[in-house]
Amino acid sequence: MKFYRRSRVMLLMAVLMPAVCAGQNTAAQPDAVAPAISGAAANVINCGTFASRDASLDLVSKLCEFALNYRHQLPDFIARQTTTSHGPRSTVIMTAQVTYHGGLEHYSQLTVNGKLVAPHARVPVDVHLLTNGEFGPLLINLFEVPDAIEFKLSKTVTLSGAPAVVFDFHLPKKKNTFWALRAPTGQVIKPEFRGQLWLEPQTGHLLREELEPVVNEPETWIASAKLSTDYAMTAISDLGAFLLPVRSESRMCMGGWQSNIGCTTNIAVFSDYQKFVATSRILPGTSQP
């Protein structure tokens, strides 16, 4: 399986139907709906605006500066992603090698319950939910479009034993050009989103990001959805430490016209970060019967 994820437009959640193939480019369909944001957008936004308008948003200004340089600061690397997907009728364990090269995520060596999924093969029916964006778009898209997302200081909490400052954010539907969901019907929608950021008090570094779409279209058969990703300074062998995703949890509940079909919860763990070289491979090859 090989597919690339573009840095500008993100498909947040994809409910995969049996006809979806493992070799699919997940960015292709959202791009057809909303053109990619031009690189000039990053040059238009003034990160200092948040703090100048509201002193309580000083950490948001710091995060903005970091986010707009994030992809340029990250080196090329590989990592292992292990996803446990609990669906209405079954549990599926998926693994993949993530290659981050030239600012793009490349996923290969996908296995489902220990069996290798061949390139261009159909993804098994039991795989109902996939997400992307953990390696950049979830953070970067917050700041690429000036005045698209509204931020508000919420509270100070303790996260994993350390203090964190929580900010609420809101993306109105009319300003959403970059986050999308694909419904079981194949329909791609860009709804209103609400979420929260957990930031380190001293640096403004991202510790956690939660994202929740406001879905009001019953014909999509999506009753609710939520994505939460934890970040930490993580060592990449021979390269140093970088802010990277370590765990992600996504949940989507299906229903429509007052019916409840069930929910799928994915828990993804990112590990074994290593320096990328042309021959890197961290997952064992498994022959498909």
C-alpha atoms as a PDB file:
ATOM      1  CA  MET A   1       0.000   0.000   0.000  1.00  0.00           C
ATOM      2  CA  LYS A   2       1.320   3.438  -0.885  1.00  0.00           C
ATOM      3  CA  PHE A   3      -0.407   6.740  -0.509  1.00  0.00           C
ATOM      4  CA  TYR A   4       0.616  10.309   0.246  1.00  0.00           C
ATOM      5  CA  ARG A   5      -1.052  12.910   2.417  1.00  0.00           C
ATOM      6  CA  ARG A   6      -0.790  16.506   1.362  1.00  0.00           C
ATOM      7  CA  SER A   7      -0.013  19.182   3.893  1.00  0.00           C
ATOM      8  CA  ARG A   8      -2.775  21.674   3.102  1.00  0.00           C
ATOM      9  CA  VAL A   9      -6.122  19.903   2.826  1.00  0.00           C
ATOM     10  CA  MET A  10      -6.857  17.194   5.337  1.00  0.00           C
ATOM     11  CA  LEU A  11      -9.413  14.410   5.279  1.00  0.00           C
ATOM     12  CA  LEU A  12     -10.072  14.161   8.987  1.00  0.00           C
ATOM     13  CA  MET A  13     -12.127  10.990   9.054  1.00  0.00           C
ATOM     14  CA  ALA A  14     -12.870   8.481   6.340  1.00  0.00           C
ATOM     15  CA  VAL A  15     -15.464   5.761   6.781  1.00  0.00           C
ATOM     16  CA  LEU A  16     -14.215   3.200   4.311  1.00  0.00           C
ATOM     17  CA  MET A  17     -16.658   1.167   2.287  1.00  0.00           C
ATOM     18  CA  PRO A  18     -15.662  -2.219   0.781  1.00  0.00           C
ATOM     19  CA  ALA A  19     -14.897  -0.686  -2.611  1.00  0.00           C
ATOM     20  CA  VAL A  20     -12.065   1.490  -1.255  1.00  0.00           C
ATOM     21  CA  CYS A  21      -8.642   0.242  -2.307  1.00  0.00           C
ATOM     22  CA  ALA A  22      -5.485   0.158  -0.217  1.00  0.00           C
ATOM     23  CA  GLY A  23      -3.553   2.167  -2.763  1.00  0.00           C
ATOM     24  CA  GLN A  24      -5.914   5.130  -2.702  1.00  0.00           C
ATOM     25  CA  ASN A  25      -4.563   8.680  -2.402  1.00  0.00           C
ATOM     26  CA  THR A  26      -6.596   9.955   0.536  1.00  0.00           C
ATOM     27  CA  ALA A  27      -6.059  13.589  -0.385  1.00  0.00           C
ATOM     28  CA  ALA A  28      -7.504  13.293  -3.865  1.00  0.00           C
ATOM     29  CA  GLN A  29     -11.203  13.511  -3.101  1.00  0.00           C
ATOM     30  CA  PRO A  30     -11.013  16.411  -0.619  1.00  0.00           C
ATOM     31  CA  ASP A  31      -8.867  18.333  -3.114  1.00  0.00           C
ATOM     32  CA  ALA A  32     -11.621  17.960  -5.696  1.00  0.00           C
ATOM     33  CA  VAL A  33     -14.045  19.591  -3.287  1.00  0.00           C
ATOM     34  CA  ALA A  34     -11.828  22.340  -1.896  1.00  0.00           C
ATOM     35  CA  PRO A  35      -8.675  23.538  -3.685  1.00  0.00           C
ATOM     36  CA  ALA A  36      -5.498  23.369  -1.655  1.00  0.00           C
ATOM     37  CA  ILE A  37      -4.667  26.547   0.214  1.00  0.00           C
ATOM     38  CA  SER A  38      -1.810  28.346  -1.492  1.00  0.00           C
ATOM     39  CA  GLY A  39       1.506  28.694   0.285  1.00  0.00           C
ATOM     40  CA  ALA A  40       0.968  32.432   0.356  1.00  0.00           C
ATOM     41  CA  ALA A  41      -1.601  31.989   3.128  1.00  0.00           C
ATOM     42  CA  ALA A  42       1.159  31.272   5.625  1.00  0.00           C
ATOM     43  CA  ASN A  43       2.752  34.637   4.742  1.00  0.00           C
ATOM     44  CA  VAL A  44      -0.473  36.566   5.266  1.00  0.00           C
ATOM     45  CA  ILE A  45      -1.327  35.582   8.825  1.00  0.00           C
ATOM     46  CA  ASN A  46       0.240  37.668  11.602  1.00  0.00           C
ATOM     47  CA  CYS A  47       0.783  35.400  14.603  1.00  0.00           C
ATOM     48  CA  GLY A  48       1.199  38.367  16.932  1.00  0.00           C
ATOM     49  CA  THR A  49      -2.381  39.401  16.254  1.00  0.00           C
ATOM     50  CA  PHE A  50      -3.762  36.873  18.736  1.00  0.00           C
ATOM     51  CA  ALA A  51      -1.793  38.304  21.673  1.00  0.00           C
ATOM     52  CA  SER A  52      -2.268  41.922  20.600  1.00  0.00           C
ATOM     53  CA  ARG A  53      -6.037  41.498  20.524  1.00  0.00           C
ATOM     54  CA  ASP A  54      -6.191  39.490  23.754  1.00  0.00           C
ATOM     55  CA  ALA A  55      -3.229  39.171  26.150  1.00  0.00           C
ATOM     56  CA  SER A  56      -4.570  35.801  27.345  1.00  0.00           C
ATOM     57  CA  LEU A  57      -3.792  34.395  23.876  1.00  0.00           C
ATOM     58  CA  ASP A  58      -0.022  34.932  24.108  1.00  0.00           C
ATOM     59  CA  LEU A  59       0.591  31.158  24.059  1.00  0.00           C
ATOM     60  CA  VAL A  60      -1.580  30.860  20.938  1.00  0.00           C
ATOM     61  CA  SER A  61       0.663  33.411  19.212  1.00  0.00           C
ATOM     62  CA  LYS A  62       3.703  31.335  20.195  1.00  0.00           C
ATOM     63  CA  LEU A  63       2.090  28.153  18.901  1.00  0.00           C
ATOM     64  CA  CYS A  64       1.199  29.920  15.646  1.00  0.00           C
ATOM     65  CA  GLU A  65       4.840  30.866  15.028  1.00  0.00           C
ATOM     66  CA  PHE A  66       5.902  27.304  15.745  1.00  0.00           C
ATOM     67  CA  ALA A  67       3.180  25.762  13.587  1.00  0.00           C
ATOM     68  CA  LEU A  68       3.943  27.777  10.466  1.00  0.00           C
ATOM     69  CA  ASN A  69       7.557  26.553  10.568  1.00  0.00           C
ATOM     70  CA  TYR A  70       6.749  23.036  11.740  1.00  0.00           C
ATOM     71  CA  ARG A  71       7.171  21.125   8.493  1.00  0.00           C
ATOM     72  CA  HIS A  72      10.416  22.934   7.695  1.00  0.00           C
ATOM     73  CA  GLN A  73      11.854  21.999  11.095  1.00  0.00           C
ATOM     74  CA  LEU A  74      11.011  18.298  10.940  1.00  0.00           C
ATOM     75  CA  PRO A  75      13.675  15.995   9.486  1.00  0.00           C
ATOM     76  CA  ASP A  76      12.885  13.017   7.287  1.00  0.00           C
ATOM     77  CA  PHE A  77      12.042  10.030   9.484  1.00  0.00           C
ATOM     78  CA  ILE A  78      10.191   6.732   9.687  1.00  0.00           C
ATOM     79  CA  ALA A  79       7.930   5.478  12.477  1.00  0.00           C
ATOM     80  CA  ARG A  80       5.629   2.605  13.312  1.00  0.00           C
ATOM     81  CA  GLN A  81       1.896   3.208  13.671  1.00  0.00           C
ATOM     82  CA  THR A  82      -0.202   0.576  15.446  1.00  0.00           C
ATOM     83  CA  THR A  83      -3.950   1.137  15.399  1.00  0.00           C
ATOM     84  CA  THR A  84      -6.488  -0.886  17.359  1.00  0.00           C
ATOM     85  CA  SER A  85      -9.953  -0.372  15.892  1.00  0.00           C
ATOM     86  CA  HIS A  86     -12.945  -1.394  17.989  1.00  0.00           C
ATOM     87  CA  GLY A  87     -16.003  -1.565  15.721  1.00  0.00           C
ATOM     88  CA  PRO A  88     -19.645  -2.504  16.320  1.00  0.00           C
ATOM     89  CA  ARG A  89     -18.987  -6.174  15.571  1.00  0.00           C
ATOM     90  CA  SER A  90     -15.236  -6.742  15.643  1.00  0.00           C
ATOM     91  CA  THR A  91     -11.799  -5.508  16.684  1.00  0.00           C
ATOM     92  CA  VAL A  92      -9.123  -4.969  14.037  1.00  0.00           C
ATOM     93  CA  ILE A  93      -5.411  -4.333  14.608  1.00  0.00           C
ATOM     94  CA  MET A  94      -3.610  -2.444  11.854  1.00  0.00           C
ATOM     95  CA  THR A  95       0.089  -1.620  11.549  1.00  0.00           C
ATOM     96  CA  ALA A  96       1.900   0.544   9.051  1.00  0.00           C
ATOM     97  CA  GLN A  97       5.278   2.081   8.418  1.00  0.00           C
ATOM     98  CA  VAL A  98       5.031   5.872   8.277  1.00  0.00           C
ATOM     99  CA  THR A  99       7.680   7.612   6.207  1.00  0.00           C
ATOM    100  CA  TYR A 100       7.894  11.391   6.563  1.00  0.00           C
ATOM    101  CA  HIS A 101       9.902  12.698   3.615  1.00  0.00           C
ATOM    102  CA  GLY A 102       9.937  16.115   1.988  1.00  0.00           C
ATOM    103  CA  GLY A 103       7.009  17.344   4.094  1.00  0.00           C
ATOM    104  CA  LEU A 104       4.677  14.484   3.134  1.00  0.00           C
ATOM    105  CA  GLU A 105       3.500  11.369   4.969  1.00  0.00           C
ATOM    106  CA  HIS A 106       3.889   8.092   3.106  1.00  0.00           C
ATOM    107  CA  TYR A 107       2.252   4.945   4.517  1.00  0.00           C
ATOM    108  CA  SER A 108       3.459   1.493   3.479  1.00  0.00           C
ATOM    109  CA  GLN A 109       3.569  -2.119   4.661  1.00  0.00           C
ATOM    110  CA  LEU A 110      -0.029  -1.991   5.917  1.00  0.00           C
ATOM    111  CA  THR A 111      -1.124  -5.090   7.798  1.00  0.00           C
ATOM    112  CA  VAL A 112      -4.608  -5.917   9.083  1.00  0.00           C
ATOM    113  CA  ASN A 113      -4.717  -8.532  11.844  1.00  0.00           C
ATOM    114  CA  GLY A 114      -1.205  -9.606  10.921  1.00  0.00           C
ATOM    115  CA  LYS A 115      -1.864 -10.044   7.196  1.00  0.00           C
ATOM    116  CA  LEU A 116      -0.176  -7.790   4.676  1.00  0.00           C
ATOM    117  CA  VAL A 117      -2.569  -5.757   2.518  1.00  0.00           C
ATOM    118  CA  ALA A 118      -1.206  -5.863  -1.016  1.00  0.00           C
ATOM    119  CA  PRO A 119      -0.888  -2.626  -3.020  1.00  0.00           C
ATOM    120  CA  HIS A 120      -4.222  -1.666  -4.619  1.00  0.00           C
ATOM    121  CA  ALA A 121      -6.031  -4.427  -2.745  1.00  0.00           C
ATOM    122  CA  ARG A 122      -9.378  -3.686  -1.156  1.00  0.00           C
ATOM    123  CA  VAL A 123      -9.239  -2.682   2.484  1.00  0.00           C
ATOM    124  CA  PRO A 124     -11.087  -5.319   4.578  1.00  0.00           C
ATOM    125  CA  VAL A 125     -14.733  -4.566   5.289  1.00  0.00           C
ATOM    126  CA  ASP A 126     -14.121  -4.549   9.068  1.00  0.00           C
ATOM    127  CA  VAL A 127     -11.925  -1.418   8.762  1.00  0.00           C
ATOM    128  CA  HIS A 128     -14.543   1.304   9.172  1.00  0.00           C
ATOM    129  CA  LEU A 129     -12.577   4.368  10.236  1.00  0.00           C
ATOM    130  CA  LEU A 130      -9.295   5.972   9.198  1.00  0.00           C
ATOM    131  CA  THR A 131      -7.924   9.419  10.045  1.00  0.00           C
ATOM    132  CA  ASN A 132      -4.985  11.518   8.960  1.00  0.00           C
ATOM    133  CA  GLY A 133      -3.317  14.799   9.794  1.00  0.00           C
ATOM    134  CA  GLU A 134      -1.450  13.827  12.959  1.00  0.00           C
ATOM    135  CA  PHE A 135       1.931  14.614  11.378  1.00  0.00           C
ATOM    136  CA  GLY A 136       1.234  18.239  10.562  1.00  0.00           C
ATOM    137  CA  PRO A 137      -2.136  19.329   9.145  1.00  0.00           C
ATOM    138  CA  LEU A 138      -3.980  19.074  12.482  1.00  0.00           C
ATOM    139  CA  LEU A 139      -1.640  21.735  13.846  1.00  0.00           C
ATOM    140  CA  ILE A 140      -0.730  23.737  10.758  1.00  0.00           C
ATOM    141  CA  ASN A 141      -4.273  24.229   9.444  1.00  0.00           C
ATOM    142  CA  LEU A 142      -5.180  26.068  12.650  1.00  0.00           C
ATOM    143  CA  PHE A 143      -3.180  29.063  11.469  1.00  0.00           C
ATOM    144  CA  GLU A 144      -2.924  28.973   7.670  1.00  0.00           C
ATOM    145  CA  VAL A 145      -6.055  31.012   6.990  1.00  0.00           C
ATOM    146  CA  PRO A 146      -6.229  34.400   8.750  1.00  0.00           C
ATOM    147  CA  ASP A 147      -9.262  34.862  11.024  1.00  0.00           C
ATOM    148  CA  ALA A 148     -10.669  31.431  10.182  1.00  0.00           C
ATOM    149  CA  ILE A 149     -10.448  29.979  13.681  1.00  0.00           C
ATOM    150  CA  GLU A 150     -11.447  31.745  16.897  1.00  0.00           C
ATOM    151  CA  PHE A 151      -9.508  30.995  20.122  1.00  0.00           C
ATOM    152  CA  LYS A 152     -10.488  31.544  23.761  1.00  0.00           C
ATOM    153  CA  LEU A 153      -8.647  30.830  27.016  1.00  0.00           C
ATOM    154  CA  SER A 154     -10.499  28.121  28.943  1.00  0.00           C
ATOM    155  CA  LYS A 155      -8.626  26.836  32.017  1.00  0.00           C
ATOM    156  CA  THR A 156      -5.404  25.462  33.484  1.00  0.00           C
ATOM    157  CA  VAL A 157      -5.275  21.710  34.103  1.00  0.00           C
ATOM    158  CA  THR A 158      -2.831  18.917  34.832  1.00  0.00           C
ATOM    159  CA  LEU A 159      -1.978  16.605  31.937  1.00  0.00           C
ATOM    160  CA  SER A 160       0.228  13.560  32.579  1.00  0.00           C
ATOM    161  CA  GLY A 161       1.380  15.132  35.832  1.00  0.00           C
ATOM    162  CA  ALA A 162       2.376  18.476  34.297  1.00  0.00           C
ATOM    163  CA  PRO A 163       0.481  21.791  34.063  1.00  0.00           C
ATOM    164  CA  ALA A 164      -1.227  22.650  30.784  1.00  0.00           C
ATOM    165  CA  VAL A 165      -3.175  25.686  29.606  1.00  0.00           C
ATOM    166  CA  VAL A 166      -6.353  24.812  27.711  1.00  0.00           C
ATOM    167  CA  PHE A 167      -7.761  26.939  24.904  1.00  0.00           C
ATOM    168  CA  ASP A 168     -11.105  26.417  23.181  1.00  0.00           C
ATOM    169  CA  PHE A 169     -11.286  27.027  19.436  1.00  0.00           C
ATOM    170  CA  HIS A 170     -14.070  27.264  16.899  1.00  0.00           C
ATOM    171  CA  LEU A 171     -14.109  26.985  13.107  1.00  0.00           C
ATOM    172  CA  PRO A 172     -17.408  28.170  11.558  1.00  0.00           C
ATOM    173  CA  LYS A 173     -18.686  26.113   8.653  1.00  0.00           C
ATOM    174  CA  LYS A 174     -18.523  29.075   6.254  1.00  0.00           C
ATOM    175  CA  LYS A 175     -14.784  29.465   6.936  1.00  0.00           C
ATOM    176  CA  ASN A 176     -13.870  25.770   6.770  1.00  0.00           C
ATOM    177  CA  THR A 177     -11.793  25.133   3.669  1.00  0.00           C
ATOM    178  CA  PHE A 178      -9.454  22.446   5.015  1.00  0.00           C
ATOM    179  CA  TRP A 179     -11.044  19.905   7.420  1.00  0.00           C
ATOM    180  CA  ALA A 180     -13.425  17.326   5.973  1.00  0.00           C
ATOM    181  CA  LEU A 181     -15.243  14.091   6.670  1.00  0.00           C
ATOM    182  CA  ARG A 182     -16.198  11.421   4.167  1.00  0.00           C
ATOM    183  CA  ALA A 183     -19.514   9.762   4.934  1.00  0.00           C
ATOM    184  CA  PRO A 184     -20.365   6.103   4.213  1.00  0.00           C
ATOM    185  CA  THR A 185     -22.329   7.376   1.223  1.00  0.00           C
ATOM    186  CA  GLY A 186     -19.101   8.771  -0.242  1.00  0.00           C
ATOM    187  CA  GLN A 187     -20.201  12.344   0.393  1.00  0.00           C
ATOM    188  CA  VAL A 188     -17.400  14.674   1.517  1.00  0.00           C
ATOM    189  CA  ILE A 189     -18.514  17.442   3.868  1.00  0.00           C
ATOM    190  CA  LYS A 190     -16.715  20.320   5.589  1.00  0.00           C
ATOM    191  CA  PRO A 191     -18.828  21.123   8.638  1.00  0.00           C
ATOM    192  CA  GLU A 192     -18.367  23.437  11.594  1.00  0.00           C
ATOM    193  CA  PHE A 193     -15.661  22.279  14.027  1.00  0.00           C
ATOM    194  CA  ARG A 194     -15.045  22.852  17.717  1.00  0.00           C
ATOM    195  CA  GLY A 195     -12.009  21.796  19.678  1.00  0.00           C
ATOM    196  CA  GLN A 196      -9.458  22.352  22.404  1.00  0.00           C
ATOM    197  CA  LEU A 197      -5.699  22.823  22.611  1.00  0.00           C
ATOM    198  CA  TRP A 198      -3.566  21.835  25.620  1.00  0.00           C
ATOM    199  CA  LEU A 199      -0.380  23.944  25.585  1.00  0.00           C
ATOM    200  CA  GLU A 200       2.785  23.904  27.650  1.00  0.00           C
ATOM    201  CA  PRO A 201       2.712  27.062  29.827  1.00  0.00           C
ATOM    202  CA  GLN A 202       6.334  28.097  29.243  1.00  0.00           C
ATOM    203  CA  THR A 203       6.775  27.436  25.523  1.00  0.00           C
ATOM    204  CA  GLY A 204       3.306  27.173  24.009  1.00  0.00           C
ATOM    205  CA  HIS A 205       4.232  23.753  22.616  1.00  0.00           C
ATOM    206  CA  LEU A 206       1.266  21.574  21.757  1.00  0.00           C
ATOM    207  CA  LEU A 207       0.527  18.758  24.217  1.00  0.00           C
ATOM    208  CA  ARG A 208      -2.908  17.698  23.001  1.00  0.00           C
ATOM    209  CA  GLU A 209      -5.380  18.695  20.314  1.00  0.00           C
ATOM    210  CA  GLU A 210      -9.050  17.684  20.287  1.00  0.00           C
ATOM    211  CA  LEU A 211     -11.258  18.180  17.275  1.00  0.00           C
ATOM    212  CA  GLU A 212     -15.009  17.612  17.028  1.00  0.00           C
ATOM    213  CA  PRO A 213     -17.180  18.295  13.976  1.00  0.00           C
ATOM    214  CA  VAL A 214     -20.706  19.608  14.378  1.00  0.00           C
ATOM    215  CA  VAL A 215     -22.642  17.339  12.028  1.00  0.00           C
ATOM    216  CA  ASN A 216     -26.260  18.293  11.372  1.00  0.00           C
ATOM    217  CA  GLU A 217     -26.890  16.416   8.107  1.00  0.00           C
ATOM    218  CA  PRO A 218     -28.716  13.128   8.956  1.00  0.00           C
ATOM    219  CA  GLU A 219     -28.315  11.895   5.390  1.00  0.00           C
ATOM    220  CA  THR A 220     -24.563  11.471   5.984  1.00  0.00           C
ATOM    221  CA  TRP A 221     -25.297   8.754   8.587  1.00  0.00           C
ATOM    222  CA  ILE A 222     -22.661  10.320  10.867  1.00  0.00           C
ATOM    223  CA  ALA A 223     -24.166  10.930  14.310  1.00  0.00           C
ATOM    224  CA  SER A 224     -20.985  12.191  15.981  1.00  0.00           C
ATOM    225  CA  ALA A 225     -17.204  12.145  15.627  1.00  0.00           C
ATOM    226  CA  LYS A 226     -14.172  13.196  17.657  1.00  0.00           C
ATOM    227  CA  LEU A 227     -10.398  13.076  17.280  1.00  0.00           C
ATOM    228  CA  SER A 228      -7.844  13.595  20.056  1.00  0.00           C
ATOM    229  CA  THR A 229      -4.072  13.504  19.505  1.00  0.00           C
ATOM    230  CA  ASP A 230      -1.314  13.682  22.146  1.00  0.00           C
ATOM    231  CA  TYR A 231       2.082  15.194  21.303  1.00  0.00           C
ATOM    232  CA  ALA A 232       5.434  15.078  23.103  1.00  0.00           C
ATOM    233  CA  MET A 233       9.083  15.887  22.514  1.00  0.00           C
ATOM    234  CA  THR A 234      10.172  12.581  21.004  1.00  0.00           C
ATOM    235  CA  ALA A 235      13.625  11.295  20.129  1.00  0.00           C
ATOM    236  CA  ILE A 236      14.408  10.324  16.539  1.00  0.00           C
ATOM    237  CA  SER A 237      17.504   8.170  16.516  1.00  0.00           C
ATOM    238  CA  ASP A 238      20.644  10.061  15.395  1.00  0.00           C
ATOM    239  CA  LEU A 239      18.662  13.287  14.840  1.00  0.00           C
ATOM    240  CA  GLY A 240      17.532  14.641  18.227  1.00  0.00           C
ATOM    241  CA  ALA A 241      14.150  15.350  19.835  1.00  0.00           C
ATOM    242  CA  PHE A 242      11.151  16.859  18.021  1.00  0.00           C
ATOM    243  CA  LEU A 243       7.491  17.542  18.806  1.00  0.00           C
ATOM    244  CA  LEU A 244       5.683  14.517  17.356  1.00  0.00           C
ATOM    245  CA  PRO A 245       2.417  12.604  17.830  1.00  0.00           C
ATOM    246  CA  VAL A 246       2.611   9.739  20.313  1.00  0.00           C
ATOM    247  CA  ARG A 247      -1.018   8.675  20.594  1.00  0.00           C
ATOM    248  CA  SER A 248      -4.277   9.401  18.806  1.00  0.00           C
ATOM    249  CA  GLU A 249      -7.834   8.371  19.608  1.00  0.00           C
ATOM    250  CA  SER A 250     -10.699   8.811  17.164  1.00  0.00           C
ATOM    251  CA  ARG A 251     -14.347   7.866  17.510  1.00  0.00           C
ATOM    252  CA  MET A 252     -17.211   7.955  15.053  1.00  0.00           C
ATOM    253  CA  CYS A 253     -20.799   6.946  15.752  1.00  0.00           C
ATOM    254  CA  MET A 254     -23.092   6.095  12.880  1.00  0.00           C
ATOM    255  CA  GLY A 255     -26.798   6.768  12.753  1.00  0.00           C
ATOM    256  CA  GLY A 256     -29.495   8.563  10.860  1.00  0.00           C
ATOM    257  CA  TRP A 257     -33.172   9.286  10.908  1.00  0.00           C
ATOM    258  CA  GLN A 258     -33.317   8.487  14.652  1.00  0.00           C
ATOM    259  CA  SER A 259     -31.536   5.144  14.272  1.00  0.00           C
ATOM    260  CA  ASN A 260     -28.291   4.106  15.990  1.00  0.00           C
ATOM    261  CA  ILE A 261     -25.990   1.831  13.980  1.00  0.00           C
ATOM    262  CA  GLY A 262     -23.005   1.774  16.312  1.00  0.00           C
ATOM    263  CA  CYS A 263     -19.647   3.370  17.021  1.00  0.00           C
ATOM    264  CA  THR A 264     -16.053   2.697  15.993  1.00  0.00           C
ATOM    265  CA  THR A 265     -13.132   3.760  18.182  1.00  0.00           C
ATOM    266  CA  ASN A 266      -9.546   3.774  16.925  1.00  0.00           C
ATOM    267  CA  ILE A 267      -6.529   4.059  19.221  1.00  0.00           C
ATOM    268  CA  ALA A 268      -3.300   4.697  17.326  1.00  0.00           C
ATOM    269  CA  VAL A 269       0.143   4.575  18.917  1.00  0.00           C
ATOM    270  CA  PHE A 270       3.186   6.046  17.165  1.00  0.00           C
ATOM    271  CA  SER A 271       6.561   4.566  18.087  1.00  0.00           C
ATOM    272  CA  ASP A 272      10.043   3.537  16.879  1.00  0.00           C
ATOM    273  CA  TYR A 273      10.934   6.899  15.365  1.00  0.00           C
ATOM    274  CA  GLN A 274      14.103   6.501  13.290  1.00  0.00           C
ATOM    275  CA  LYS A 275      16.144   8.500  10.817  1.00  0.00           C
ATOM    276  CA  PHE A 276      14.923   7.989   7.268  1.00  0.00           C
ATOM    277  CA  VAL A 277      17.289   6.406   4.772  1.00  0.00           C
ATOM    278  CA  ALA A 278      16.349   4.930   1.405  1.00  0.00           C
ATOM    279  CA  THR A 279      16.541   1.349   2.693  1.00  0.00           C
ATOM    280  CA  SER A 280      14.720   1.925   6.018  1.00  0.00           C
ATOM    281  CA  ARG A 281      12.168  -0.713   6.940  1.00  0.00           C
ATOM    282  CA  ILE A 282      10.908  -1.369  10.458  1.00  0.00           C
ATOM    283  CA  LEU A 283       8.007  -3.744   9.819  1.00  0.00           C
ATOM    284  CA  PRO A 284       8.549  -7.422   9.013  1.00  0.00           C
ATOM    285  CA  GLY A 285       7.378  -8.551   5.601  1.00  0.00           C
ATOM    286  CA  THR A 286       4.362 -10.843   5.802  1.00  0.00           C
ATOM    287  CA  SER A 287       3.102 -12.837   2.859  1.00  0.00           C
ATOM    288  CA  GLN A 288      -0.569 -12.688   2.145  1.00  0.00           C
ATOM    289  CA  PRO A 289      -2.137 -16.123   1.680  1.00  0.00           C
END
